[in-house]
N, C-alpha and C. Protein backbone atom coordinates (compact mmCIF):
# COMPACT_ATOMS: atom_id res chain seq x y z
N MET A 1 0.82 -1.18 0.00
CA MET A 1 0.00 0.00 0.00
C MET A 1 0.88 1.26 0.00
N LEU A 2 1.91 1.21 0.74
CA LEU A 2 2.81 2.34 0.78
C LEU A 2 3.45 2.55 -0.59
N ARG A 3 3.81 1.45 -1.25
CA ARG A 3 4.40 1.55 -2.59
C ARG A 3 3.39 2.15 -3.57
N THR A 4 2.17 1.77 -3.48
CA THR A 4 1.14 2.27 -4.38
C THR A 4 0.94 3.76 -4.15
N ALA A 5 0.89 4.21 -2.94
CA ALA A 5 0.70 5.62 -2.63
C ALA A 5 1.90 6.44 -3.10
N PHE A 6 3.08 5.93 -2.89
CA PHE A 6 4.29 6.63 -3.33
C PHE A 6 4.36 6.73 -4.85
N ALA A 7 4.04 5.65 -5.53
CA ALA A 7 4.08 5.62 -6.98
C ALA A 7 3.04 6.57 -7.57
N SER A 8 1.88 6.61 -7.04
CA SER A 8 0.84 7.50 -7.57
C SER A 8 1.18 8.95 -7.29
N ASN A 9 1.77 9.25 -6.15
CA ASN A 9 2.17 10.63 -5.85
C ASN A 9 3.31 11.10 -6.76
N SER A 10 4.27 10.25 -7.04
CA SER A 10 5.38 10.65 -7.90
C SER A 10 4.90 10.92 -9.32
N ARG A 11 3.90 10.18 -9.77
CA ARG A 11 3.36 10.42 -11.11
C ARG A 11 2.64 11.75 -11.14
N LEU A 12 1.94 12.06 -10.13
CA LEU A 12 1.21 13.33 -10.09
C LEU A 12 2.17 14.51 -10.06
N VAL A 13 3.23 14.36 -9.33
CA VAL A 13 4.23 15.42 -9.26
C VAL A 13 4.88 15.62 -10.62
N PHE A 14 5.21 14.52 -11.25
CA PHE A 14 5.84 14.61 -12.57
C PHE A 14 4.92 15.25 -13.60
N VAL A 15 3.69 14.86 -13.60
CA VAL A 15 2.71 15.40 -14.55
C VAL A 15 2.48 16.87 -14.27
N SER A 16 2.39 17.24 -13.02
CA SER A 16 2.14 18.65 -12.70
C SER A 16 3.34 19.51 -13.07
N ARG A 17 4.55 18.99 -12.98
CA ARG A 17 5.71 19.75 -13.37
C ARG A 17 5.73 20.02 -14.87
N SER A 18 5.43 19.02 -15.66
CA SER A 18 5.43 19.21 -17.10
C SER A 18 4.32 20.16 -17.52
N ARG A 19 3.23 20.16 -16.84
CA ARG A 19 2.14 21.07 -17.17
C ARG A 19 2.44 22.49 -16.69
N ALA A 20 3.25 22.64 -15.68
CA ALA A 20 3.55 23.98 -15.16
C ALA A 20 4.36 24.77 -16.19
N PHE A 21 5.14 24.09 -17.01
CA PHE A 21 5.94 24.79 -18.01
C PHE A 21 5.07 25.41 -19.10
N HIS A 22 4.08 24.67 -19.58
CA HIS A 22 3.13 25.16 -20.58
C HIS A 22 1.72 24.92 -20.05
N PRO A 23 1.19 25.84 -19.30
CA PRO A 23 -0.13 25.61 -18.73
C PRO A 23 -1.24 25.53 -19.78
N SER A 24 -0.99 26.16 -20.95
CA SER A 24 -2.01 26.10 -21.98
C SER A 24 -1.34 26.12 -23.35
N PRO A 25 -2.06 25.72 -24.38
CA PRO A 25 -1.49 25.79 -25.73
C PRO A 25 -1.17 27.23 -26.13
N LEU A 26 -1.91 28.20 -25.65
CA LEU A 26 -1.67 29.61 -25.94
C LEU A 26 -0.32 30.04 -25.37
N ALA A 27 0.02 29.60 -24.18
CA ALA A 27 1.31 29.92 -23.58
C ALA A 27 2.44 29.29 -24.38
N ALA A 28 2.22 28.09 -24.88
CA ALA A 28 3.24 27.43 -25.69
C ALA A 28 3.48 28.22 -26.96
N GLU A 29 2.45 28.77 -27.58
CA GLU A 29 2.59 29.61 -28.77
C GLU A 29 3.38 30.86 -28.44
N LYS A 30 3.11 31.46 -27.29
CA LYS A 30 3.82 32.67 -26.91
C LYS A 30 5.33 32.40 -26.76
N VAL A 31 5.66 31.27 -26.18
CA VAL A 31 7.07 30.90 -26.03
C VAL A 31 7.69 30.70 -27.40
N THR A 32 7.00 30.01 -28.28
CA THR A 32 7.52 29.77 -29.63
C THR A 32 7.72 31.09 -30.37
N GLU A 33 6.74 31.99 -30.26
CA GLU A 33 6.86 33.29 -30.91
C GLU A 33 8.03 34.08 -30.34
N ARG A 34 8.19 34.02 -29.06
CA ARG A 34 9.29 34.76 -28.40
C ARG A 34 10.65 34.22 -28.87
N VAL A 35 10.74 32.91 -28.98
CA VAL A 35 11.99 32.30 -29.47
C VAL A 35 12.26 32.76 -30.90
N LYS A 36 11.21 32.77 -31.73
CA LYS A 36 11.38 33.23 -33.10
C LYS A 36 11.83 34.68 -33.15
N GLU A 37 11.26 35.52 -32.30
CA GLU A 37 11.65 36.94 -32.25
C GLU A 37 13.11 37.09 -31.86
N VAL A 38 13.53 36.34 -30.86
CA VAL A 38 14.92 36.41 -30.41
C VAL A 38 15.86 35.95 -31.51
N VAL A 39 15.50 34.86 -32.19
CA VAL A 39 16.34 34.35 -33.28
C VAL A 39 16.43 35.38 -34.40
N GLU A 40 15.31 36.01 -34.75
CA GLU A 40 15.32 37.03 -35.80
C GLU A 40 16.19 38.22 -35.40
N LYS A 41 16.09 38.63 -34.13
CA LYS A 41 16.89 39.76 -33.65
C LYS A 41 18.38 39.43 -33.72
N VAL A 42 18.74 38.25 -33.28
CA VAL A 42 20.14 37.83 -33.33
C VAL A 42 20.61 37.76 -34.79
N ASP A 43 19.77 37.23 -35.66
CA ASP A 43 20.11 37.11 -37.07
C ASP A 43 20.35 38.49 -37.69
N LYS A 44 19.47 39.44 -37.40
CA LYS A 44 19.64 40.79 -37.95
C LYS A 44 20.90 41.46 -37.40
N THR A 45 21.12 41.33 -36.12
CA THR A 45 22.30 41.93 -35.50
C THR A 45 23.58 41.33 -36.10
N LEU A 46 23.60 40.03 -36.22
CA LEU A 46 24.77 39.35 -36.79
C LEU A 46 24.98 39.78 -38.24
N GLY A 47 23.89 39.88 -39.00
CA GLY A 47 23.99 40.31 -40.39
C GLY A 47 24.54 41.71 -40.52
N LYS A 48 24.09 42.61 -39.64
CA LYS A 48 24.59 43.99 -39.68
C LYS A 48 26.09 44.03 -39.36
N LYS A 49 26.50 43.27 -38.36
CA LYS A 49 27.93 43.26 -37.99
C LYS A 49 28.78 42.68 -39.12
N LEU A 50 28.30 41.63 -39.76
CA LEU A 50 29.04 41.05 -40.87
C LEU A 50 29.12 42.02 -42.04
N ALA A 51 28.03 42.73 -42.31
CA ALA A 51 28.04 43.72 -43.40
C ALA A 51 29.03 44.84 -43.09
N GLU A 52 29.07 45.30 -41.84
CA GLU A 52 30.02 46.33 -41.46
C GLU A 52 31.46 45.84 -41.66
N GLY A 53 31.69 44.59 -41.29
CA GLY A 53 33.03 44.02 -41.47
C GLY A 53 33.42 43.96 -42.93
N ILE A 54 32.48 43.58 -43.78
CA ILE A 54 32.76 43.51 -45.22
C ILE A 54 33.05 44.90 -45.75
N GLU A 55 32.27 45.89 -45.34
CA GLU A 55 32.50 47.27 -45.80
C GLU A 55 33.87 47.77 -45.36
N LYS A 56 34.26 47.49 -44.13
CA LYS A 56 35.58 47.92 -43.64
C LYS A 56 36.69 47.25 -44.43
N THR A 57 36.49 45.98 -44.74
CA THR A 57 37.49 45.25 -45.51
C THR A 57 37.64 45.85 -46.90
N GLU A 58 36.51 46.18 -47.54
CA GLU A 58 36.56 46.78 -48.87
C GLU A 58 37.25 48.15 -48.81
N HIS A 59 36.97 48.91 -47.77
CA HIS A 59 37.58 50.23 -47.61
C HIS A 59 39.10 50.09 -47.45
N LEU A 60 39.54 49.15 -46.62
CA LEU A 60 40.96 48.92 -46.43
C LEU A 60 41.63 48.45 -47.72
N ARG A 61 40.93 47.64 -48.48
CA ARG A 61 41.46 47.16 -49.74
C ARG A 61 41.71 48.32 -50.70
N GLU A 62 40.74 49.22 -50.79
CA GLU A 62 40.89 50.39 -51.67
C GLU A 62 42.03 51.27 -51.19
N LYS A 63 42.11 51.46 -49.90
CA LYS A 63 43.18 52.29 -49.33
C LYS A 63 44.55 51.69 -49.64
N THR A 64 44.65 50.37 -49.49
CA THR A 64 45.91 49.68 -49.78
C THR A 64 46.28 49.81 -51.25
N LYS A 65 45.29 49.69 -52.14
CA LYS A 65 45.55 49.85 -53.56
C LYS A 65 46.09 51.24 -53.86
N ASP A 66 45.49 52.26 -53.23
CA ASP A 66 45.95 53.64 -53.44
C ASP A 66 47.39 53.81 -52.98
N VAL A 67 47.69 53.31 -51.78
CA VAL A 67 49.04 53.45 -51.24
C VAL A 67 50.04 52.70 -52.11
N MET A 68 49.68 51.50 -52.53
CA MET A 68 50.59 50.71 -53.37
C MET A 68 50.80 51.40 -54.72
N GLY A 69 49.74 51.99 -55.27
CA GLY A 69 49.87 52.70 -56.54
C GLY A 69 50.81 53.89 -56.42
N LYS A 70 50.67 54.65 -55.34
CA LYS A 70 51.54 55.81 -55.11
C LYS A 70 52.98 55.36 -54.91
N THR A 71 53.16 54.30 -54.15
CA THR A 71 54.50 53.78 -53.92
C THR A 71 55.13 53.30 -55.22
N HIS A 72 54.35 52.66 -56.06
CA HIS A 72 54.84 52.19 -57.35
C HIS A 72 55.27 53.37 -58.22
N GLU A 73 54.49 54.42 -58.23
CA GLU A 73 54.83 55.61 -59.02
C GLU A 73 56.11 56.26 -58.50
N LYS A 74 56.24 56.36 -57.18
CA LYS A 74 57.45 56.95 -56.59
C LYS A 74 58.68 56.09 -56.94
N THR A 75 58.51 54.79 -56.91
CA THR A 75 59.61 53.89 -57.26
C THR A 75 60.03 54.09 -58.71
N LYS A 76 59.06 54.24 -59.61
CA LYS A 76 59.38 54.48 -61.01
C LYS A 76 60.14 55.80 -61.17
N GLU A 77 59.65 56.84 -60.48
CA GLU A 77 60.32 58.15 -60.56
C GLU A 77 61.75 58.06 -60.05
N THR A 78 61.93 57.42 -58.92
CA THR A 78 63.26 57.29 -58.33
C THR A 78 64.19 56.49 -59.25
N ALA A 79 63.65 55.45 -59.87
CA ALA A 79 64.45 54.65 -60.80
C ALA A 79 64.86 55.49 -62.01
N ALA A 80 63.93 56.31 -62.51
CA ALA A 80 64.24 57.16 -63.67
C ALA A 80 65.31 58.18 -63.30
N GLN A 81 65.20 58.76 -62.12
CA GLN A 81 66.19 59.74 -61.67
C GLN A 81 67.56 59.08 -61.52
N ALA A 82 67.57 57.89 -60.94
CA ALA A 82 68.83 57.18 -60.76
C ALA A 82 69.45 56.84 -62.11
N SER A 83 68.62 56.47 -63.07
CA SER A 83 69.11 56.15 -64.40
C SER A 83 69.71 57.40 -65.06
N GLN A 84 69.03 58.54 -64.90
CA GLN A 84 69.55 59.79 -65.46
C GLN A 84 70.89 60.15 -64.83
N LYS A 85 70.98 60.02 -63.52
CA LYS A 85 72.24 60.35 -62.83
C LYS A 85 73.35 59.40 -63.28
N ALA A 86 73.00 58.14 -63.46
CA ALA A 86 74.00 57.17 -63.90
C ALA A 86 74.48 57.53 -65.31
N ASN A 87 73.55 57.91 -66.18
CA ASN A 87 73.94 58.31 -67.53
C ASN A 87 74.80 59.57 -67.51
N GLN A 88 74.47 60.53 -66.66
CA GLN A 88 75.26 61.75 -66.55
C GLN A 88 76.66 61.43 -66.02
N THR A 89 76.73 60.56 -65.04
CA THR A 89 78.02 60.18 -64.48
C THR A 89 78.85 59.45 -65.54
N ALA A 90 78.22 58.58 -66.29
CA ALA A 90 78.94 57.85 -67.34
C ALA A 90 79.43 58.83 -68.41
N ALA A 91 78.57 59.79 -68.76
CA ALA A 91 78.98 60.78 -69.76
C ALA A 91 80.13 61.64 -69.23
N GLY A 92 80.07 62.02 -67.98
CA GLY A 92 81.15 62.78 -67.36
C GLY A 92 82.44 61.99 -67.32
N ALA A 93 82.31 60.69 -67.03
CA ALA A 93 83.50 59.84 -67.01
C ALA A 93 84.12 59.74 -68.40
N ARG A 94 83.28 59.63 -69.43
CA ARG A 94 83.79 59.56 -70.80
C ARG A 94 84.50 60.85 -71.19
N GLU A 95 83.88 61.97 -70.81
CA GLU A 95 84.51 63.27 -71.12
C GLU A 95 85.84 63.40 -70.39
N GLY A 96 85.85 62.96 -69.14
CA GLY A 96 87.10 63.01 -68.38
C GLY A 96 88.17 62.14 -68.99
N LYS A 97 87.78 60.97 -69.45
CA LYS A 97 88.71 60.05 -70.09
C LYS A 97 89.26 60.68 -71.36
N GLU A 98 88.38 61.29 -72.16
CA GLU A 98 88.82 61.94 -73.39
C GLU A 98 89.75 63.11 -73.10
N ASP A 99 89.44 63.87 -72.06
CA ASP A 99 90.32 64.99 -71.69
C ASP A 99 91.70 64.49 -71.28
N VAL A 100 91.71 63.40 -70.49
CA VAL A 100 93.00 62.84 -70.05
C VAL A 100 93.79 62.32 -71.25
N GLU A 101 93.12 61.66 -72.18
CA GLU A 101 93.78 61.15 -73.36
C GLU A 101 94.36 62.29 -74.21
N LYS A 102 93.62 63.40 -74.32
CA LYS A 102 94.09 64.56 -75.08
C LYS A 102 95.34 65.17 -74.42
N GLU A 103 95.34 65.19 -73.11
CA GLU A 103 96.48 65.75 -72.39
C GLU A 103 97.72 64.90 -72.58
N PHE A 104 97.56 63.57 -72.59
CA PHE A 104 98.71 62.71 -72.77
C PHE A 104 99.23 62.73 -74.20
N ARG A 105 98.41 63.04 -75.18
CA ARG A 105 98.83 63.08 -76.56
C ARG A 105 99.66 64.34 -76.86
N LYS A 106 99.48 65.34 -76.12
CA LYS A 106 100.20 66.58 -76.37
C LYS A 106 101.63 66.48 -76.09
């Protein structure tokens, strides 16, 4: 008899606990709707953050292209100047050589 009373009480407690979570089908719908709202909010927030990250990445890419382009142009200019100076130095060396040769011939 004690076993029967204990077993029936434990079943009642278990059943009442499961019913306490969703007392009615309307409450279950409210919970489902709330979960959907939270998921949508998280989805929108995550989407916005990802879009911001993509925009920042594109901005940095453009900035890097600009800097690299300017650096490339400066490198070309410096190379051209160095080439001109090398040609001038070579021409000066040739003139100096010719002057020295003329002096020795005299």
